[in-house]
């Protein structure tokens, strides 16, 4: 015979006063909402307590990557000491630090529970710019840096116009710097005359200074074409046995040219030369 189902002991069955079973209690919607509200209030209260806790105030600020820039200046500009590690305005602090001329990039990291680390990338000297008898170091983005200019064999671009003013943190004509570097590496199109320097002005752009005169390039637009025109003019001057005193290469096949010692004496490009240059520029 199959076993009979086990019945609970009658003594274990809760009974109502009238002898019936006690009905199970069910938590109603109101009770559930009340419990959830209590939990939310408790969580919010805990968060508010943490936000107001002095244990989360920034007490230690470390600075990494500061070799030339003063780490103390970086901390002072950041202004993070005493701020809350969660609520502090890190973007504003990074913006203030980025205003330092020698700082190229900055990143701020939280150090829980009460610290922060500022990581900076310093600008490094790349070229030299001369203005008002002072030689300024500049980086690869044309930003004027503080301190001494680097000593290397690269070119110095001399600013011959009064404007714009050159101060640490200003930006010079990066196009002129890169063009001067390129021409410095190429050298003059003929062995003589050699390049002795570079000048820059707000109106004329970059000018190459040779042993005999000045060659105005302006901007780097059509640099290869201008270089070929310069070579053609130097060959013309050499064939005459006279120096190329001046050439303005900003006007394509009609450069303003002075060859020889007589001011105003010019040279006109021949049709064959113009055709060769036009083909080379395509």
C-alpha atoms as a PDB file:
ATOM      1  CA  UNK A   1       0.000   0.000   0.000  1.00  0.00           C
ATOM      2  CA  UNK A   2       1.280   3.518  -0.748  1.00  0.00           C
ATOM      3  CA  UNK A   3       2.355   5.520   2.197  1.00  0.00           C
ATOM      4  CA  UNK A   4      -0.236   7.942   3.445  1.00  0.00           C
ATOM      5  CA  UNK A   5       0.725  11.646   3.243  1.00  0.00           C
ATOM      6  CA  UNK A   6       2.213  12.947   6.425  1.00  0.00           C
ATOM      7  CA  UNK A   7      -0.115  15.302   8.129  1.00  0.00           C
ATOM      8  CA  UNK A   8       1.249  18.015  10.374  1.00  0.00           C
ATOM      9  CA  UNK A   9       0.640  17.522  14.021  1.00  0.00           C
ATOM     10  CA  UNK A  10      -2.451  19.253  15.082  1.00  0.00           C
ATOM     11  CA  UNK A  11      -0.540  20.770  17.967  1.00  0.00           C
ATOM     12  CA  UNK A  12       1.735  22.546  15.492  1.00  0.00           C
ATOM     13  CA  UNK A  13      -1.127  24.113  13.568  1.00  0.00           C
ATOM     14  CA  UNK A  14      -1.830  27.705  14.626  1.00  0.00           C
ATOM     15  CA  UNK A  15      -5.441  28.026  15.585  1.00  0.00           C
ATOM     16  CA  UNK A  16      -7.699  30.950  15.854  1.00  0.00           C
ATOM     17  CA  UNK A  17      -9.719  31.581  18.960  1.00  0.00           C
ATOM     18  CA  UNK A  18     -12.743  30.113  17.254  1.00  0.00           C
ATOM     19  CA  UNK A  19     -10.838  26.952  16.459  1.00  0.00           C
ATOM     20  CA  UNK A  20     -10.054  27.831  12.828  1.00  0.00           C
ATOM     21  CA  UNK A  21      -6.624  28.532  11.230  1.00  0.00           C
ATOM     22  CA  UNK A  22      -4.940  31.930  11.627  1.00  0.00           C
ATOM     23  CA  UNK A  23      -4.861  33.733   8.236  1.00  0.00           C
ATOM     24  CA  UNK A  24      -1.380  34.660   6.904  1.00  0.00           C
ATOM     25  CA  UNK A  25      -0.499  38.345   6.963  1.00  0.00           C
ATOM     26  CA  UNK A  26       0.303  40.010   3.641  1.00  0.00           C
ATOM     27  CA  UNK A  27       2.384  43.181   3.320  1.00  0.00           C
ATOM     28  CA  UNK A  28       0.304  45.771   1.544  1.00  0.00           C
ATOM     29  CA  UNK A  29       1.444  48.325  -1.040  1.00  0.00           C
ATOM     30  CA  UNK A  30       1.514  51.053   1.562  1.00  0.00           C
ATOM     31  CA  UNK A  31       3.833  49.080   3.758  1.00  0.00           C
ATOM     32  CA  UNK A  32       6.146  48.329   0.854  1.00  0.00           C
ATOM     33  CA  UNK A  33       6.319  51.986  -0.141  1.00  0.00           C
ATOM     34  CA  UNK A  34       6.917  53.044   3.424  1.00  0.00           C
ATOM     35  CA  UNK A  35       9.800  50.605   3.758  1.00  0.00           C
ATOM     36  CA  UNK A  36      11.323  51.784   0.462  1.00  0.00           C
ATOM     37  CA  UNK A  37      11.044  55.405   1.542  1.00  0.00           C
ATOM     38  CA  UNK A  38      12.793  54.639   4.800  1.00  0.00           C
ATOM     39  CA  UNK A  39      15.604  52.893   2.898  1.00  0.00           C
ATOM     40  CA  UNK A  40      15.988  55.828   0.478  1.00  0.00           C
ATOM     41  CA  UNK A  41      16.109  58.298   3.331  1.00  0.00           C
ATOM     42  CA  UNK A  42      18.768  56.203   5.023  1.00  0.00           C
ATOM     43  CA  UNK A  43      20.907  56.014   1.866  1.00  0.00           C
ATOM     44  CA  UNK A  44      20.574  59.744   1.177  1.00  0.00           C
ATOM     45  CA  UNK A  45      21.445  60.523   4.743  1.00  0.00           C
ATOM     46  CA  UNK A  46      24.531  58.355   4.529  1.00  0.00           C
ATOM     47  CA  UNK A  47      25.628  60.045   1.272  1.00  0.00           C
ATOM     48  CA  UNK A  48      25.108  63.507   2.743  1.00  0.00           C
ATOM     49  CA  UNK A  49      27.118  62.528   5.761  1.00  0.00           C
ATOM     50  CA  UNK A  50      29.946  61.345   3.533  1.00  0.00           C
ATOM     51  CA  UNK A  51      29.851  64.500   1.411  1.00  0.00           C
ATOM     52  CA  UNK A  52      30.076  66.657   4.494  1.00  0.00           C
ATOM     53  CA  UNK A  53      32.700  64.511   6.143  1.00  0.00           C
ATOM     54  CA  UNK A  54      36.073  66.190   6.714  1.00  0.00           C
ATOM     55  CA  UNK A  55      37.638  62.803   6.037  1.00  0.00           C
ATOM     56  CA  UNK A  56      37.064  63.374   2.295  1.00  0.00           C
ATOM     57  CA  UNK A  57      38.650  66.831   2.150  1.00  0.00           C
ATOM     58  CA  UNK A  58      41.782  66.916  -0.022  1.00  0.00           C
ATOM     59  CA  UNK A  59      44.805  67.172   2.225  1.00  0.00           C
ATOM     60  CA  UNK A  60      47.647  65.930   0.021  1.00  0.00           C
ATOM     61  CA  UNK A  61      48.339  67.084  -3.579  1.00  0.00           C
ATOM     62  CA  UNK A  62      51.184  65.389  -5.455  1.00  0.00           C
ATOM     63  CA  UNK A  63      52.699  66.864  -8.624  1.00  0.00           C
ATOM     64  CA  UNK A  64      54.362  64.683 -11.277  1.00  0.00           C
ATOM     65  CA  UNK A  65      56.289  65.750 -14.374  1.00  0.00           C
ATOM     66  CA  UNK A  66      57.423  69.134 -13.009  1.00  0.00           C
ATOM     67  CA  UNK A  67      61.071  69.541 -13.948  1.00  0.00           C
ATOM     68  CA  UNK A  68      61.187  73.193 -15.003  1.00  0.00           C
ATOM     69  CA  UNK A  69      57.831  74.321 -13.661  1.00  0.00           C
ATOM     70  CA  UNK A  70      57.642  74.892  -9.913  1.00  0.00           C
ATOM     71  CA  UNK A  71      55.609  72.151  -8.230  1.00  0.00           C
ATOM     72  CA  UNK A  72      54.634  74.621  -5.499  1.00  0.00           C
ATOM     73  CA  UNK A  73      53.226  76.996  -8.129  1.00  0.00           C
ATOM     74  CA  UNK A  74      51.225  74.142  -9.644  1.00  0.00           C
ATOM     75  CA  UNK A  75      49.708  73.265  -6.252  1.00  0.00           C
ATOM     76  CA  UNK A  76      48.891  76.893  -5.536  1.00  0.00           C
ATOM     77  CA  UNK A  77      47.185  77.400  -8.894  1.00  0.00           C
ATOM     78  CA  UNK A  78      45.217  74.182  -8.487  1.00  0.00           C
ATOM     79  CA  UNK A  79      43.741  75.350  -5.181  1.00  0.00           C
ATOM     80  CA  UNK A  80      42.569  71.834  -4.303  1.00  0.00           C
ATOM     81  CA  UNK A  81      43.693  71.592  -0.674  1.00  0.00           C
ATOM     82  CA  UNK A  82      40.624  71.740   1.555  1.00  0.00           C
ATOM     83  CA  UNK A  83      38.242  70.972  -1.309  1.00  0.00           C
ATOM     84  CA  UNK A  84      36.053  67.863  -1.275  1.00  0.00           C
ATOM     85  CA  UNK A  85      37.582  64.982  -3.197  1.00  0.00           C
ATOM     86  CA  UNK A  86      34.267  64.406  -5.022  1.00  0.00           C
ATOM     87  CA  UNK A  87      32.947  67.946  -5.426  1.00  0.00           C
ATOM     88  CA  UNK A  88      36.186  69.768  -6.306  1.00  0.00           C
ATOM     89  CA  UNK A  89      36.234  71.533  -9.713  1.00  0.00           C
ATOM     90  CA  UNK A  90      39.105  69.669 -11.346  1.00  0.00           C
ATOM     91  CA  UNK A  91      38.461  71.175 -14.791  1.00  0.00           C
ATOM     92  CA  UNK A  92      38.886  74.714 -13.459  1.00  0.00           C
ATOM     93  CA  UNK A  93      42.059  73.690 -11.628  1.00  0.00           C
ATOM     94  CA  UNK A  94      43.489  72.139 -14.804  1.00  0.00           C
ATOM     95  CA  UNK A  95      42.623  75.285 -16.775  1.00  0.00           C
ATOM     96  CA  UNK A  96      44.524  77.493 -14.329  1.00  0.00           C
ATOM     97  CA  UNK A  97      47.580  75.240 -14.483  1.00  0.00           C
ATOM     98  CA  UNK A  98      47.478  75.124 -18.294  1.00  0.00           C
ATOM     99  CA  UNK A  99      47.921  78.906 -18.342  1.00  0.00           C
ATOM    100  CA  UNK A 100      51.565  78.440 -17.295  1.00  0.00           C
ATOM    101  CA  UNK A 101      53.731  78.998 -20.412  1.00  0.00           C
ATOM    102  CA  UNK A 102      55.784  75.849 -19.845  1.00  0.00           C
ATOM    103  CA  UNK A 103      52.787  73.508 -19.404  1.00  0.00           C
ATOM    104  CA  UNK A 104      51.578  71.725 -22.547  1.00  0.00           C
ATOM    105  CA  UNK A 105      49.113  69.304 -20.952  1.00  0.00           C
ATOM    106  CA  UNK A 106      47.730  68.569 -17.486  1.00  0.00           C
ATOM    107  CA  UNK A 107      45.698  65.773 -15.946  1.00  0.00           C
ATOM    108  CA  UNK A 108      44.328  65.580 -12.389  1.00  0.00           C
ATOM    109  CA  UNK A 109      43.583  62.274 -10.690  1.00  0.00           C
ATOM    110  CA  UNK A 110      41.720  61.631  -7.436  1.00  0.00           C
ATOM    111  CA  UNK A 111      43.550  59.735  -4.705  1.00  0.00           C
ATOM    112  CA  UNK A 112      40.953  58.290  -2.370  1.00  0.00           C
ATOM    113  CA  UNK A 113      40.003  59.172   0.225  1.00  0.00           C
ATOM    114  CA  UNK A 114      41.616  62.610   0.637  1.00  0.00           C
ATOM    115  CA  UNK A 115      44.299  63.233  -1.988  1.00  0.00           C
ATOM    116  CA  UNK A 116      44.909  64.212  -5.610  1.00  0.00           C
ATOM    117  CA  UNK A 117      47.735  63.838  -8.127  1.00  0.00           C
ATOM    118  CA  UNK A 118      48.485  66.462 -10.795  1.00  0.00           C
ATOM    119  CA  UNK A 119      50.346  65.086 -13.811  1.00  0.00           C
ATOM    120  CA  UNK A 120      51.765  67.733 -16.147  1.00  0.00           C
ATOM    121  CA  UNK A 121      53.568  67.507 -19.479  1.00  0.00           C
ATOM    122  CA  UNK A 122      56.034  70.343 -19.909  1.00  0.00           C
ATOM    123  CA  UNK A 123      56.773  72.094 -23.160  1.00  0.00           C
ATOM    124  CA  UNK A 124      60.249  71.464 -24.529  1.00  0.00           C
ATOM    125  CA  UNK A 125      62.348  73.968 -26.537  1.00  0.00           C
ATOM    126  CA  UNK A 126      62.301  73.317 -30.281  1.00  0.00           C
ATOM    127  CA  UNK A 127      63.453  76.530 -31.951  1.00  0.00           C
ATOM    128  CA  UNK A 128      64.590  80.087 -31.319  1.00  0.00           C
ATOM    129  CA  UNK A 129      62.894  83.403 -31.979  1.00  0.00           C
ATOM    130  CA  UNK A 130      64.688  86.721 -31.587  1.00  0.00           C
ATOM    131  CA  UNK A 131      62.863  89.912 -30.703  1.00  0.00           C
ATOM    132  CA  UNK A 132      64.016  93.108 -28.988  1.00  0.00           C
ATOM    133  CA  UNK A 133      67.588  91.775 -28.848  1.00  0.00           C
ATOM    134  CA  UNK A 134      66.443  88.802 -26.769  1.00  0.00           C
ATOM    135  CA  UNK A 135      66.413  85.215 -28.034  1.00  0.00           C
ATOM    136  CA  UNK A 136      63.361  83.289 -26.859  1.00  0.00           C
ATOM    137  CA  UNK A 137      62.959  79.528 -26.810  1.00  0.00           C
ATOM    138  CA  UNK A 138      59.826  78.254 -28.545  1.00  0.00           C
ATOM    139  CA  UNK A 139      58.294  74.793 -28.675  1.00  0.00           C
ATOM    140  CA  UNK A 140      57.038  72.833 -31.673  1.00  0.00           C
ATOM    141  CA  UNK A 141      53.673  74.629 -31.472  1.00  0.00           C
ATOM    142  CA  UNK A 142      55.238  78.094 -31.633  1.00  0.00           C
ATOM    143  CA  UNK A 143      54.600  78.916 -27.969  1.00  0.00           C
ATOM    144  CA  UNK A 144      57.189  81.251 -26.443  1.00  0.00           C
ATOM    145  CA  UNK A 145      58.749  79.630 -23.381  1.00  0.00           C
ATOM    146  CA  UNK A 146      60.435  80.926 -20.287  1.00  0.00           C
ATOM    147  CA  UNK A 147      64.109  80.448 -19.554  1.00  0.00           C
ATOM    148  CA  UNK A 148      67.157  80.296 -21.775  1.00  0.00           C
ATOM    149  CA  UNK A 149      66.960  79.432 -25.454  1.00  0.00           C
ATOM    150  CA  UNK A 150      68.390  76.048 -26.435  1.00  0.00           C
ATOM    151  CA  UNK A 151      71.895  75.981 -27.838  1.00  0.00           C
ATOM    152  CA  UNK A 152      71.830  73.979 -31.047  1.00  0.00           C
ATOM    153  CA  UNK A 153      72.637  74.531 -34.699  1.00  0.00           C
ATOM    154  CA  UNK A 154      69.040  75.221 -35.756  1.00  0.00           C
ATOM    155  CA  UNK A 155      68.011  78.570 -37.195  1.00  0.00           C
ATOM    156  CA  UNK A 156      67.120  81.719 -35.277  1.00  0.00           C
ATOM    157  CA  UNK A 157      64.250  83.708 -36.739  1.00  0.00           C
ATOM    158  CA  UNK A 158      64.648  87.415 -36.025  1.00  0.00           C
ATOM    159  CA  UNK A 159      61.462  89.443 -35.727  1.00  0.00           C
ATOM    160  CA  UNK A 160      62.085  92.824 -37.337  1.00  0.00           C
ATOM    161  CA  UNK A 161      58.612  94.306 -36.794  1.00  0.00           C
ATOM    162  CA  UNK A 162      57.538  95.797 -33.481  1.00  0.00           C
ATOM    163  CA  UNK A 163      54.284  93.844 -33.436  1.00  0.00           C
ATOM    164  CA  UNK A 164      53.190  91.469 -32.160  1.00  0.00           C
ATOM    165  CA  UNK A 165      54.866  91.783 -28.783  1.00  0.00           C
ATOM    166  CA  UNK A 166      56.817  88.706 -27.697  1.00  0.00           C
ATOM    167  CA  UNK A 167      56.391  87.503 -24.111  1.00  0.00           C
ATOM    168  CA  UNK A 168      56.384  84.117 -22.409  1.00  0.00           C
ATOM    169  CA  UNK A 169      53.161  82.325 -23.292  1.00  0.00           C
ATOM    170  CA  UNK A 170      52.635  84.184 -26.582  1.00  0.00           C
ATOM    171  CA  UNK A 171      52.520  82.308 -29.880  1.00  0.00           C
ATOM    172  CA  UNK A 172      54.749  83.226 -32.818  1.00  0.00           C
ATOM    173  CA  UNK A 173      54.305  82.407 -36.511  1.00  0.00           C
ATOM    174  CA  UNK A 174      54.746  78.638 -36.473  1.00  0.00           C
ATOM    175  CA  UNK A 175      54.550  78.501 -40.272  1.00  0.00           C
ATOM    176  CA  UNK A 176      57.610  80.758 -40.480  1.00  0.00           C
ATOM    177  CA  UNK A 177      59.511  78.642 -37.968  1.00  0.00           C
ATOM    178  CA  UNK A 178      58.880  75.411 -39.844  1.00  0.00           C
ATOM    179  CA  UNK A 179      59.721  77.017 -43.169  1.00  0.00           C
ATOM    180  CA  UNK A 180      62.980  78.412 -41.761  1.00  0.00           C
ATOM    181  CA  UNK A 181      63.861  74.969 -40.457  1.00  0.00           C
ATOM    182  CA  UNK A 182      63.181  73.433 -43.888  1.00  0.00           C
ATOM    183  CA  UNK A 183      65.229  76.056 -45.742  1.00  0.00           C
ATOM    184  CA  UNK A 184      68.014  75.794 -43.175  1.00  0.00           C
ATOM    185  CA  UNK A 185      68.281  72.085 -43.934  1.00  0.00           C
ATOM    186  CA  UNK A 186      68.128  72.609 -47.702  1.00  0.00           C
ATOM    187  CA  UNK A 187      70.561  75.492 -47.766  1.00  0.00           C
ATOM    188  CA  UNK A 188      70.832  77.971 -50.629  1.00  0.00           C
ATOM    189  CA  UNK A 189      70.079  76.581 -54.121  1.00  0.00           C
ATOM    190  CA  UNK A 190      73.674  77.313 -55.200  1.00  0.00           C
ATOM    191  CA  UNK A 191      76.846  76.835 -53.131  1.00  0.00           C
ATOM    192  CA  UNK A 192      77.187  80.604 -52.981  1.00  0.00           C
ATOM    193  CA  UNK A 193      75.857  82.817 -51.565  1.00  0.00           C
ATOM    194  CA  UNK A 194      75.090  80.945 -48.349  1.00  0.00           C
ATOM    195  CA  UNK A 195      72.156  81.595 -45.998  1.00  0.00           C
ATOM    196  CA  UNK A 196      73.234  83.660 -43.006  1.00  0.00           C
ATOM    197  CA  UNK A 197      69.902  84.149 -41.244  1.00  0.00           C
ATOM    198  CA  UNK A 198      66.132  84.516 -41.305  1.00  0.00           C
ATOM    199  CA  UNK A 199      63.925  87.536 -40.650  1.00  0.00           C
ATOM    200  CA  UNK A 200      60.202  87.774 -40.022  1.00  0.00           C
ATOM    201  CA  UNK A 201      57.827  90.731 -40.101  1.00  0.00           C
ATOM    202  CA  UNK A 202      54.082  91.008 -39.752  1.00  0.00           C
ATOM    203  CA  UNK A 203      53.745  92.455 -43.260  1.00  0.00           C
ATOM    204  CA  UNK A 204      56.271  90.392 -45.259  1.00  0.00           C
ATOM    205  CA  UNK A 205      56.375  87.058 -43.454  1.00  0.00           C
ATOM    206  CA  UNK A 206      59.643  85.130 -43.686  1.00  0.00           C
ATOM    207  CA  UNK A 207      62.709  86.525 -45.441  1.00  0.00           C
ATOM    208  CA  UNK A 208      65.893  84.564 -46.104  1.00  0.00           C
ATOM    209  CA  UNK A 209      69.047  86.623 -45.565  1.00  0.00           C
ATOM    210  CA  UNK A 210      72.008  85.607 -47.719  1.00  0.00           C
ATOM    211  CA  UNK A 211      75.530  86.958 -47.989  1.00  0.00           C
ATOM    212  CA  UNK A 212      74.364  89.221 -50.830  1.00  0.00           C
ATOM    213  CA  UNK A 213      70.799  90.218 -50.033  1.00  0.00           C
ATOM    214  CA  UNK A 214      67.265  89.247 -48.991  1.00  0.00           C
ATOM    215  CA  UNK A 215      64.839  86.713 -50.496  1.00  0.00           C
ATOM    216  CA  UNK A 216      61.227  87.232 -49.381  1.00  0.00           C
ATOM    217  CA  UNK A 217      59.283  83.956 -49.141  1.00  0.00           C
ATOM    218  CA  UNK A 218      56.283  85.233 -47.185  1.00  0.00           C
ATOM    219  CA  UNK A 219      54.380  82.082 -46.211  1.00  0.00           C
ATOM    220  CA  UNK A 220      55.138  78.437 -46.933  1.00  0.00           C
ATOM    221  CA  UNK A 221      52.506  78.263 -49.688  1.00  0.00           C
ATOM    222  CA  UNK A 222      54.215  76.989 -52.851  1.00  0.00           C
ATOM    223  CA  UNK A 223      57.534  76.611 -51.038  1.00  0.00           C
ATOM    224  CA  UNK A 224      59.068  74.261 -53.625  1.00  0.00           C
ATOM    225  CA  UNK A 225      58.028  76.530 -56.475  1.00  0.00           C
ATOM    226  CA  UNK A 226      59.482  79.615 -54.759  1.00  0.00           C
ATOM    227  CA  UNK A 227      62.699  77.753 -54.101  1.00  0.00           C
ATOM    228  CA  UNK A 228      63.033  76.940 -57.817  1.00  0.00           C
ATOM    229  CA  UNK A 229      62.427  80.576 -58.748  1.00  0.00           C
ATOM    230  CA  UNK A 230      65.131  81.571 -56.272  1.00  0.00           C
ATOM    231  CA  UNK A 231      67.532  79.104 -57.887  1.00  0.00           C
ATOM    232  CA  UNK A 232      66.742  80.500 -61.353  1.00  0.00           C
ATOM    233  CA  UNK A 233      67.405  84.051 -60.161  1.00  0.00           C
ATOM    234  CA  UNK A 234      70.686  83.085 -58.524  1.00  0.00           C
ATOM    235  CA  UNK A 235      71.828  81.440 -61.754  1.00  0.00           C
ATOM    236  CA  UNK A 236      70.874  84.558 -63.707  1.00  0.00           C
ATOM    237  CA  UNK A 237      72.834  86.721 -61.283  1.00  0.00           C
ATOM    238  CA  UNK A 238      75.818  84.395 -61.487  1.00  0.00           C
ATOM    239  CA  UNK A 239      75.778  84.503 -65.290  1.00  0.00           C
ATOM    240  CA  UNK A 240      75.951  88.306 -65.074  1.00  0.00           C
ATOM    241  CA  UNK A 241      78.696  88.197 -62.481  1.00  0.00           C
ATOM    242  CA  UNK A 242      76.592  90.335 -60.144  1.00  0.00           C
ATOM    243  CA  UNK A 243      74.938  89.643 -56.779  1.00  0.00           C
ATOM    244  CA  UNK A 244      71.229  88.979 -56.281  1.00  0.00           C
ATOM    245  CA  UNK A 245      70.389  91.794 -53.908  1.00  0.00           C
ATOM    246  CA  UNK A 246      66.676  91.279 -53.502  1.00  0.00           C
ATOM    247  CA  UNK A 247      63.863  89.008 -54.670  1.00  0.00           C
ATOM    248  CA  UNK A 248      60.229  88.977 -53.589  1.00  0.00           C
ATOM    249  CA  UNK A 249      58.917  85.497 -54.415  1.00  0.00           C
ATOM    250  CA  UNK A 250      55.355  86.063 -53.268  1.00  0.00           C
ATOM    251  CA  UNK A 251      54.079  86.948 -56.734  1.00  0.00           C
ATOM    252  CA  UNK A 252      54.610  83.749 -58.726  1.00  0.00           C
ATOM    253  CA  UNK A 253      56.285  84.220 -62.117  1.00  0.00           C
ATOM    254  CA  UNK A 254      56.573  87.980 -61.652  1.00  0.00           C
ATOM    255  CA  UNK A 255      58.926  88.393 -58.715  1.00  0.00           C
ATOM    256  CA  UNK A 256      60.310  91.805 -57.897  1.00  0.00           C
ATOM    257  CA  UNK A 257      64.053  91.426 -58.358  1.00  0.00           C
ATOM    258  CA  UNK A 258      67.183  93.500 -57.948  1.00  0.00           C
ATOM    259  CA  UNK A 259      70.454  92.184 -59.403  1.00  0.00           C
ATOM    260  CA  UNK A 260      73.711  94.106 -59.313  1.00  0.00           C
ATOM    261  CA  UNK A 261      74.730  97.222 -57.508  1.00  0.00           C
ATOM    262  CA  UNK A 262      72.355  99.553 -59.362  1.00  0.00           C
ATOM    263  CA  UNK A 263      69.085  99.893 -57.478  1.00  0.00           C
ATOM    264  CA  UNK A 264      66.050  98.988 -59.542  1.00  0.00           C
ATOM    265  CA  UNK A 265      67.858  96.824 -62.067  1.00  0.00           C
ATOM    266  CA  UNK A 266      65.661  93.770 -62.621  1.00  0.00           C
ATOM    267  CA  UNK A 267      65.434  90.492 -64.475  1.00  0.00           C
ATOM    268  CA  UNK A 268      62.564  88.989 -66.412  1.00  0.00           C
ATOM    269  CA  UNK A 269      61.966  85.252 -66.477  1.00  0.00           C
ATOM    270  CA  UNK A 270      62.172  83.747 -69.956  1.00  0.00           C
ATOM    271  CA  UNK A 271      59.208  81.868 -71.409  1.00  0.00           C
ATOM    272  CA  UNK A 272      61.053  78.531 -71.244  1.00  0.00           C
ATOM    273  CA  UNK A 273      61.968  79.043 -67.635  1.00  0.00           C
ATOM    274  CA  UNK A 274      58.411  80.042 -66.755  1.00  0.00           C
ATOM    275  CA  UNK A 275      57.079  76.928 -68.482  1.00  0.00           C
ATOM    276  CA  UNK A 276      59.506  74.689 -66.608  1.00  0.00           C
ATOM    277  CA  UNK A 277      58.548  76.227 -63.285  1.00  0.00           C
ATOM    278  CA  UNK A 278      54.831  76.000 -64.051  1.00  0.00           C
ATOM    279  CA  UNK A 279      55.187  72.297 -64.851  1.00  0.00           C
ATOM    280  CA  UNK A 280      57.203  71.667 -61.720  1.00  0.00           C
ATOM    281  CA  UNK A 281      54.585  73.336 -59.543  1.00  0.00           C
ATOM    282  CA  UNK A 282      51.770  71.016 -60.672  1.00  0.00           C
END
